[in-house]
N, C-alpha and C. Protein backbone atom coordinates (compact mmCIF):
# COMPACT_ATOMS: atom_id res chain seq x y z
N MET A 1 22.78 -13.60 97.64
CA MET A 1 23.55 -14.83 97.62
C MET A 1 23.21 -15.66 96.38
N PHE A 2 21.92 -15.79 96.06
CA PHE A 2 21.49 -16.52 94.88
C PHE A 2 20.84 -15.53 93.93
N ASP A 3 21.60 -15.06 92.96
CA ASP A 3 21.10 -14.07 92.01
C ASP A 3 20.60 -14.68 90.73
N THR A 4 21.14 -15.85 90.36
CA THR A 4 20.76 -16.51 89.11
C THR A 4 20.55 -18.00 89.38
N VAL A 5 19.36 -18.49 89.01
CA VAL A 5 19.02 -19.90 89.20
C VAL A 5 18.66 -20.50 87.85
N VAL A 6 19.30 -21.62 87.53
CA VAL A 6 18.99 -22.37 86.31
C VAL A 6 18.07 -23.51 86.69
N ILE A 7 16.95 -23.60 85.98
CA ILE A 7 16.02 -24.71 86.16
C ILE A 7 16.09 -25.58 84.92
N ALA A 8 16.56 -26.80 85.08
CA ALA A 8 16.61 -27.75 83.97
C ALA A 8 15.29 -28.51 83.96
N THR A 9 14.64 -28.54 82.80
CA THR A 9 13.36 -29.23 82.70
C THR A 9 13.31 -30.10 81.46
N ASP A 10 12.58 -31.19 81.57
CA ASP A 10 12.32 -32.02 80.40
C ASP A 10 10.82 -32.21 80.21
N GLY A 11 10.04 -31.45 80.98
CA GLY A 11 8.59 -31.51 80.87
C GLY A 11 7.95 -32.68 81.59
N SER A 12 8.72 -33.50 82.25
CA SER A 12 8.19 -34.68 82.94
C SER A 12 7.54 -34.29 84.27
N ASP A 13 6.83 -35.24 84.88
CA ASP A 13 6.23 -35.00 86.20
C ASP A 13 7.31 -34.71 87.23
N SER A 14 8.43 -35.39 87.15
CA SER A 14 9.53 -35.17 88.07
C SER A 14 10.05 -33.74 87.93
N ALA A 15 10.20 -33.30 86.70
CA ALA A 15 10.68 -31.94 86.46
C ALA A 15 9.65 -30.91 86.90
N SER A 16 8.38 -31.24 86.81
CA SER A 16 7.32 -30.32 87.19
C SER A 16 7.42 -29.92 88.66
N ARG A 17 7.63 -30.87 89.51
CA ARG A 17 7.79 -30.57 90.93
C ARG A 17 9.06 -29.76 91.16
N ALA A 18 10.11 -30.08 90.43
CA ALA A 18 11.37 -29.33 90.54
C ALA A 18 11.17 -27.88 90.12
N VAL A 19 10.38 -27.66 89.09
CA VAL A 19 10.08 -26.30 88.64
C VAL A 19 9.39 -25.53 89.76
N ASP A 20 8.39 -26.13 90.38
CA ASP A 20 7.68 -25.47 91.49
C ASP A 20 8.64 -25.10 92.61
N VAL A 21 9.44 -26.05 93.03
CA VAL A 21 10.37 -25.82 94.14
C VAL A 21 11.41 -24.77 93.74
N ALA A 22 11.93 -24.86 92.54
CA ALA A 22 12.97 -23.93 92.10
C ALA A 22 12.42 -22.51 91.95
N LEU A 23 11.20 -22.38 91.43
CA LEU A 23 10.61 -21.04 91.31
C LEU A 23 10.37 -20.43 92.69
N ASP A 24 9.95 -21.25 93.64
CA ASP A 24 9.77 -20.77 95.01
C ASP A 24 11.12 -20.32 95.59
N PHE A 25 12.13 -21.14 95.38
CA PHE A 25 13.48 -20.84 95.85
C PHE A 25 13.98 -19.54 95.23
N ALA A 26 13.87 -19.42 93.91
CA ALA A 26 14.33 -18.22 93.21
C ALA A 26 13.56 -16.99 93.68
N GLY A 27 12.26 -17.15 93.92
CA GLY A 27 11.44 -16.04 94.39
C GLY A 27 11.88 -15.51 95.74
N LYS A 28 12.28 -16.40 96.62
CA LYS A 28 12.72 -15.99 97.95
C LYS A 28 13.97 -15.11 97.88
N PHE A 29 14.78 -15.32 96.85
CA PHE A 29 16.01 -14.55 96.70
C PHE A 29 15.90 -13.48 95.61
N GLU A 30 14.69 -13.37 95.02
CA GLU A 30 14.47 -12.45 93.90
C GLU A 30 15.53 -12.68 92.81
N ALA A 31 15.78 -13.94 92.55
CA ALA A 31 16.82 -14.33 91.61
C ALA A 31 16.31 -14.33 90.17
N GLU A 32 17.21 -14.09 89.25
CA GLU A 32 16.93 -14.22 87.83
C GLU A 32 16.78 -15.71 87.53
N VAL A 33 15.77 -16.06 86.74
CA VAL A 33 15.49 -17.47 86.44
C VAL A 33 15.82 -17.78 84.99
N HIS A 34 16.55 -18.85 84.79
CA HIS A 34 16.85 -19.39 83.46
C HIS A 34 16.26 -20.78 83.41
N ALA A 35 15.45 -21.06 82.39
CA ALA A 35 14.91 -22.41 82.19
C ALA A 35 15.61 -23.03 80.99
N LEU A 36 16.06 -24.24 81.15
CA LEU A 36 16.85 -24.92 80.12
C LEU A 36 16.25 -26.27 79.80
N TYR A 37 16.15 -26.56 78.51
CA TYR A 37 15.72 -27.87 78.03
C TYR A 37 16.84 -28.39 77.14
N VAL A 38 17.25 -29.61 77.36
CA VAL A 38 18.30 -30.21 76.54
C VAL A 38 17.71 -31.32 75.69
N VAL A 39 17.86 -31.17 74.37
CA VAL A 39 17.46 -32.21 73.44
C VAL A 39 18.62 -33.21 73.39
N ASP A 40 18.35 -34.42 73.82
CA ASP A 40 19.38 -35.46 73.86
C ASP A 40 19.56 -36.04 72.47
N ARG A 41 20.59 -35.60 71.79
CA ARG A 41 20.83 -36.04 70.41
C ARG A 41 21.23 -37.51 70.34
N GLY A 42 21.57 -38.10 71.46
CA GLY A 42 21.82 -39.54 71.48
C GLY A 42 20.57 -40.32 71.13
N ASP A 43 19.43 -39.82 71.58
CA ASP A 43 18.15 -40.45 71.24
C ASP A 43 17.91 -40.38 69.74
N VAL A 44 18.25 -39.23 69.15
CA VAL A 44 18.06 -39.04 67.71
C VAL A 44 19.00 -39.96 66.94
N ALA A 45 20.25 -40.01 67.33
CA ALA A 45 21.24 -40.82 66.61
C ALA A 45 20.89 -42.30 66.64
N ALA A 46 20.22 -42.73 67.69
CA ALA A 46 19.87 -44.14 67.83
C ALA A 46 18.61 -44.53 67.05
N SER A 47 17.93 -43.54 66.51
CA SER A 47 16.68 -43.82 65.79
C SER A 47 16.95 -44.14 64.32
N PRO A 48 16.03 -44.83 63.68
CA PRO A 48 16.20 -45.13 62.25
C PRO A 48 16.26 -43.84 61.42
N ASP A 49 17.05 -43.85 60.37
CA ASP A 49 17.24 -42.66 59.53
C ASP A 49 15.93 -42.03 59.09
N GLU A 50 14.98 -42.84 58.68
CA GLU A 50 13.73 -42.30 58.14
C GLU A 50 12.86 -41.62 59.20
N LEU A 51 13.16 -41.82 60.48
CA LEU A 51 12.38 -41.21 61.54
C LEU A 51 13.05 -40.02 62.20
N ARG A 52 14.30 -39.76 61.86
CA ARG A 52 15.07 -38.73 62.58
C ARG A 52 14.47 -37.33 62.49
N LYS A 53 14.05 -36.92 61.31
CA LYS A 53 13.48 -35.58 61.15
C LYS A 53 12.23 -35.44 62.02
N GLU A 54 11.36 -36.44 62.00
CA GLU A 54 10.15 -36.39 62.82
C GLU A 54 10.50 -36.37 64.31
N LEU A 55 11.50 -37.15 64.69
CA LEU A 55 11.90 -37.19 66.09
C LEU A 55 12.46 -35.84 66.53
N VAL A 56 13.31 -35.24 65.71
CA VAL A 56 13.87 -33.92 66.04
C VAL A 56 12.74 -32.90 66.19
N ASP A 57 11.80 -32.91 65.26
CA ASP A 57 10.67 -31.99 65.34
C ASP A 57 9.87 -32.21 66.62
N ALA A 58 9.64 -33.46 66.97
CA ALA A 58 8.88 -33.78 68.19
C ALA A 58 9.63 -33.33 69.44
N LEU A 59 10.95 -33.56 69.46
CA LEU A 59 11.75 -33.15 70.62
C LEU A 59 11.79 -31.63 70.75
N GLU A 60 11.90 -30.93 69.64
CA GLU A 60 11.91 -29.47 69.68
C GLU A 60 10.55 -28.93 70.14
N ALA A 61 9.46 -29.55 69.71
CA ALA A 61 8.12 -29.16 70.17
C ALA A 61 7.97 -29.41 71.67
N ALA A 62 8.49 -30.53 72.13
CA ALA A 62 8.44 -30.85 73.56
C ALA A 62 9.24 -29.83 74.37
N ALA A 63 10.36 -29.39 73.81
CA ALA A 63 11.19 -28.38 74.48
C ALA A 63 10.40 -27.09 74.66
N GLU A 64 9.78 -26.63 73.60
CA GLU A 64 9.01 -25.39 73.68
C GLU A 64 7.85 -25.51 74.66
N GLU A 65 7.19 -26.66 74.67
CA GLU A 65 6.09 -26.89 75.60
C GLU A 65 6.57 -26.85 77.05
N ALA A 66 7.69 -27.50 77.32
CA ALA A 66 8.24 -27.53 78.68
C ALA A 66 8.67 -26.13 79.13
N LEU A 67 9.28 -25.38 78.24
CA LEU A 67 9.73 -24.03 78.59
C LEU A 67 8.54 -23.08 78.74
N ASP A 68 7.52 -23.25 77.91
CA ASP A 68 6.30 -22.45 78.06
C ASP A 68 5.66 -22.71 79.42
N ASP A 69 5.70 -23.97 79.86
CA ASP A 69 5.14 -24.33 81.15
C ASP A 69 5.85 -23.57 82.27
N VAL A 70 7.17 -23.46 82.19
CA VAL A 70 7.91 -22.71 83.22
C VAL A 70 7.50 -21.24 83.17
N ARG A 71 7.43 -20.67 81.98
CA ARG A 71 7.04 -19.25 81.84
C ARG A 71 5.65 -19.00 82.46
N GLU A 72 4.73 -19.92 82.22
CA GLU A 72 3.36 -19.75 82.70
C GLU A 72 3.25 -19.88 84.22
N ARG A 73 4.20 -20.53 84.84
CA ARG A 73 4.11 -20.81 86.27
C ARG A 73 4.79 -19.75 87.13
N THR A 74 5.31 -18.72 86.52
CA THR A 74 5.94 -17.66 87.30
C THR A 74 5.40 -16.31 86.88
N GLU A 75 5.39 -15.40 87.82
CA GLU A 75 4.96 -14.04 87.53
C GLU A 75 6.12 -13.21 87.00
N GLY A 76 7.32 -13.64 87.25
CA GLY A 76 8.50 -12.91 86.81
C GLY A 76 8.92 -13.32 85.41
N SER A 77 10.01 -12.74 84.97
CA SER A 77 10.53 -13.09 83.64
C SER A 77 11.43 -14.32 83.74
N VAL A 78 11.50 -15.04 82.65
CA VAL A 78 12.31 -16.25 82.59
C VAL A 78 13.09 -16.23 81.28
N GLU A 79 14.39 -16.37 81.39
CA GLU A 79 15.22 -16.56 80.20
C GLU A 79 15.15 -18.03 79.86
N THR A 80 14.95 -18.36 78.58
CA THR A 80 14.86 -19.77 78.20
C THR A 80 15.91 -20.11 77.17
N ALA A 81 16.28 -21.38 77.15
CA ALA A 81 17.26 -21.86 76.19
C ALA A 81 17.01 -23.33 75.90
N VAL A 82 17.30 -23.70 74.67
CA VAL A 82 17.27 -25.11 74.26
C VAL A 82 18.67 -25.44 73.79
N ARG A 83 19.21 -26.51 74.31
CA ARG A 83 20.55 -26.98 73.93
C ARG A 83 20.43 -28.38 73.36
N ASN A 84 21.41 -28.77 72.59
CA ASN A 84 21.49 -30.11 72.03
C ASN A 84 22.74 -30.78 72.55
N GLY A 85 22.62 -32.02 72.97
CA GLY A 85 23.79 -32.75 73.45
C GLY A 85 23.43 -33.68 74.58
N ARG A 86 24.42 -33.98 75.39
CA ARG A 86 24.22 -34.83 76.56
C ARG A 86 23.67 -33.95 77.68
N PRO A 87 22.51 -34.29 78.22
CA PRO A 87 21.87 -33.39 79.18
C PRO A 87 22.75 -32.98 80.37
N GLY A 88 23.42 -33.92 81.01
CA GLY A 88 24.24 -33.57 82.16
C GLY A 88 25.33 -32.57 81.81
N THR A 89 25.98 -32.79 80.70
CA THR A 89 27.05 -31.89 80.25
C THR A 89 26.50 -30.53 79.88
N GLU A 90 25.41 -30.51 79.12
CA GLU A 90 24.85 -29.25 78.67
C GLU A 90 24.31 -28.41 79.83
N ILE A 91 23.69 -29.05 80.82
CA ILE A 91 23.19 -28.32 81.99
C ILE A 91 24.36 -27.69 82.73
N THR A 92 25.41 -28.45 82.95
CA THR A 92 26.59 -27.95 83.64
C THR A 92 27.23 -26.80 82.87
N ASN A 93 27.38 -26.97 81.56
CA ASN A 93 27.98 -25.91 80.74
C ASN A 93 27.14 -24.64 80.76
N TYR A 94 25.82 -24.80 80.64
CA TYR A 94 24.93 -23.64 80.64
C TYR A 94 25.03 -22.89 81.96
N ALA A 95 25.06 -23.61 83.06
CA ALA A 95 25.17 -22.98 84.38
C ALA A 95 26.44 -22.14 84.47
N GLU A 96 27.52 -22.65 83.92
CA GLU A 96 28.77 -21.89 83.90
C GLU A 96 28.66 -20.66 83.01
N GLU A 97 28.05 -20.82 81.83
CA GLU A 97 27.92 -19.71 80.88
C GLU A 97 27.14 -18.54 81.44
N VAL A 98 26.05 -18.82 82.18
CA VAL A 98 25.24 -17.73 82.72
C VAL A 98 25.66 -17.36 84.14
N ASP A 99 26.73 -17.96 84.62
CA ASP A 99 27.26 -17.73 85.95
C ASP A 99 26.18 -17.94 87.02
N ALA A 100 25.51 -19.07 86.90
CA ALA A 100 24.43 -19.40 87.83
C ALA A 100 24.96 -19.59 89.24
N ASP A 101 24.13 -19.22 90.20
CA ASP A 101 24.46 -19.43 91.59
C ASP A 101 23.93 -20.76 92.10
N ALA A 102 22.96 -21.33 91.37
CA ALA A 102 22.39 -22.63 91.72
C ALA A 102 21.72 -23.23 90.49
N VAL A 103 21.64 -24.55 90.49
CA VAL A 103 20.96 -25.30 89.43
C VAL A 103 19.92 -26.18 90.11
N ALA A 104 18.73 -26.23 89.53
CA ALA A 104 17.67 -27.08 90.08
C ALA A 104 17.17 -28.03 89.00
N LEU A 105 16.93 -29.28 89.38
CA LEU A 105 16.39 -30.25 88.45
C LEU A 105 15.74 -31.39 89.20
N GLY A 106 14.85 -32.07 88.51
CA GLY A 106 14.17 -33.21 89.10
C GLY A 106 15.03 -34.45 89.01
N THR A 107 14.64 -35.43 89.81
CA THR A 107 15.31 -36.72 89.75
C THR A 107 14.29 -37.75 89.30
N ARG A 108 14.78 -38.79 88.83
CA ARG A 108 13.91 -39.93 88.56
C ARG A 108 14.38 -41.03 89.51
N GLY A 109 14.23 -40.76 90.79
CA GLY A 109 14.72 -41.67 91.80
C GLY A 109 14.05 -43.02 91.73
N ARG A 110 14.79 -44.03 92.08
CA ARG A 110 14.26 -45.39 92.11
C ARG A 110 14.44 -45.93 93.52
N HIS A 111 13.46 -46.64 93.96
CA HIS A 111 13.53 -47.26 95.28
C HIS A 111 13.74 -48.76 95.10
N GLY A 112 14.40 -49.35 96.02
CA GLY A 112 14.64 -50.79 95.91
C GLY A 112 15.67 -51.22 96.92
N ASP A 113 16.34 -52.31 96.62
CA ASP A 113 17.34 -52.84 97.54
C ASP A 113 18.47 -51.86 97.79
N HIS A 114 18.75 -51.02 96.81
CA HIS A 114 19.87 -50.09 96.96
C HIS A 114 19.42 -48.73 97.49
N GLY A 115 18.16 -48.60 97.86
CA GLY A 115 17.66 -47.35 98.40
C GLY A 115 17.46 -46.32 97.31
N PHE A 116 17.54 -45.08 97.68
CA PHE A 116 17.29 -43.98 96.75
C PHE A 116 18.49 -43.76 95.85
N VAL A 117 18.24 -43.73 94.57
CA VAL A 117 19.31 -43.51 93.60
C VAL A 117 18.88 -42.36 92.70
N LEU A 118 19.77 -41.41 92.46
CA LEU A 118 19.45 -40.30 91.56
C LEU A 118 19.34 -40.81 90.14
N GLY A 119 18.55 -40.12 89.34
CA GLY A 119 18.51 -40.41 87.91
C GLY A 119 19.86 -40.09 87.30
N SER A 120 20.15 -40.62 86.13
CA SER A 120 21.48 -40.47 85.55
C SER A 120 21.82 -39.02 85.22
N VAL A 121 20.85 -38.23 84.74
CA VAL A 121 21.14 -36.82 84.44
C VAL A 121 21.42 -36.06 85.73
N ALA A 122 20.56 -36.23 86.72
CA ALA A 122 20.77 -35.54 88.00
C ALA A 122 22.11 -35.93 88.60
N GLU A 123 22.43 -37.21 88.54
CA GLU A 123 23.71 -37.65 89.09
C GLU A 123 24.89 -37.02 88.36
N ALA A 124 24.81 -36.94 87.03
CA ALA A 124 25.88 -36.32 86.25
C ALA A 124 26.06 -34.85 86.62
N VAL A 125 24.95 -34.15 86.80
CA VAL A 125 25.04 -32.73 87.16
C VAL A 125 25.62 -32.57 88.56
N VAL A 126 25.14 -33.37 89.51
CA VAL A 126 25.66 -33.29 90.88
C VAL A 126 27.16 -33.56 90.90
N ARG A 127 27.62 -34.52 90.13
CA ARG A 127 29.04 -34.87 90.13
C ARG A 127 29.92 -33.84 89.43
N ARG A 128 29.42 -33.24 88.35
CA ARG A 128 30.26 -32.38 87.51
C ARG A 128 30.12 -30.89 87.75
N CYS A 129 28.97 -30.46 88.19
CA CYS A 129 28.71 -29.03 88.30
C CYS A 129 29.39 -28.45 89.54
N ASP A 130 30.06 -27.32 89.36
CA ASP A 130 30.74 -26.70 90.49
C ASP A 130 29.84 -25.69 91.20
N ARG A 131 28.55 -25.68 90.84
CA ARG A 131 27.56 -24.81 91.48
C ARG A 131 26.71 -25.66 92.42
N PRO A 132 26.07 -25.04 93.40
CA PRO A 132 25.12 -25.81 94.21
C PRO A 132 24.01 -26.38 93.33
N VAL A 133 23.64 -27.63 93.56
CA VAL A 133 22.61 -28.29 92.77
C VAL A 133 21.48 -28.72 93.70
N LEU A 134 20.28 -28.26 93.37
CA LEU A 134 19.09 -28.62 94.11
C LEU A 134 18.37 -29.71 93.33
N THR A 135 18.34 -30.92 93.88
CA THR A 135 17.62 -32.01 93.23
C THR A 135 16.30 -32.20 93.95
N VAL A 136 15.24 -32.37 93.15
CA VAL A 136 13.89 -32.48 93.70
C VAL A 136 13.28 -33.79 93.25
N ARG A 137 12.94 -34.62 94.22
CA ARG A 137 12.37 -35.93 93.95
C ARG A 137 10.89 -35.81 93.65
N GLN A 138 10.44 -36.55 92.66
CA GLN A 138 9.01 -36.64 92.38
C GLN A 138 8.36 -37.41 93.52
N LEU A 139 7.21 -36.93 93.97
CA LEU A 139 6.50 -37.62 95.04
C LEU A 139 5.76 -38.82 94.49
N ASP A 140 5.70 -39.87 95.30
CA ASP A 140 4.89 -41.03 94.94
C ASP A 140 3.42 -40.65 95.07
N GLU A 141 2.55 -41.37 94.38
CA GLU A 141 1.12 -41.10 94.44
C GLU A 141 0.65 -41.14 95.89
N GLY A 142 -0.05 -40.10 96.29
CA GLY A 142 -0.56 -40.02 97.65
C GLY A 142 0.42 -39.45 98.67
N GLU A 143 1.69 -39.32 98.30
CA GLU A 143 2.70 -38.79 99.19
C GLU A 143 2.56 -37.25 99.24
N VAL A 144 2.74 -36.70 100.42
CA VAL A 144 2.63 -35.26 100.61
C VAL A 144 4.00 -34.70 100.96
N ALA A 145 4.33 -33.57 100.35
CA ALA A 145 5.62 -32.92 100.62
C ALA A 145 5.63 -32.39 102.04
N PRO A 146 6.79 -32.41 102.70
CA PRO A 146 6.89 -31.81 104.03
C PRO A 146 6.45 -30.35 103.96
N GLY A 147 5.68 -29.93 104.93
CA GLY A 147 5.19 -28.55 104.96
C GLY A 147 3.85 -28.39 104.25
N ASP A 148 3.44 -29.39 103.45
CA ASP A 148 2.16 -29.32 102.77
C ASP A 148 1.08 -30.11 103.50
N ALA A 149 1.47 -30.80 104.55
CA ALA A 149 0.50 -31.65 105.27
C ALA A 149 -0.44 -30.85 106.11
């Protein structure tokens, strides 16, 4: 049922938990794993001209570090890719290109008067992607995941 799983990562703590959950999920189905990092060129365009080259280099280094982290956390093989553009759009497009059966990514949920709100990238993927999307919330400090207690 789930032969190909795309894991979108940005190297953050939120993405780290999503990687763990997604690798477990993919393992249960013996699915092919694709790890994707999207360099948000909007961040680059908004930076001063004299800093753009350094920023691009830093973002590309962060991409490789995040993808290496996914590779190191699984015993199986992982196809990796780095894309440039708007993260929500690029994740959705990549999932279509590799004919993914599911997409997994972390959220940067916020708590408050409006309750739980997905991060903007996760929300964009959930709204636009025609594949099942697994969103994984980062745990608060001291919080234990169900089943880990």
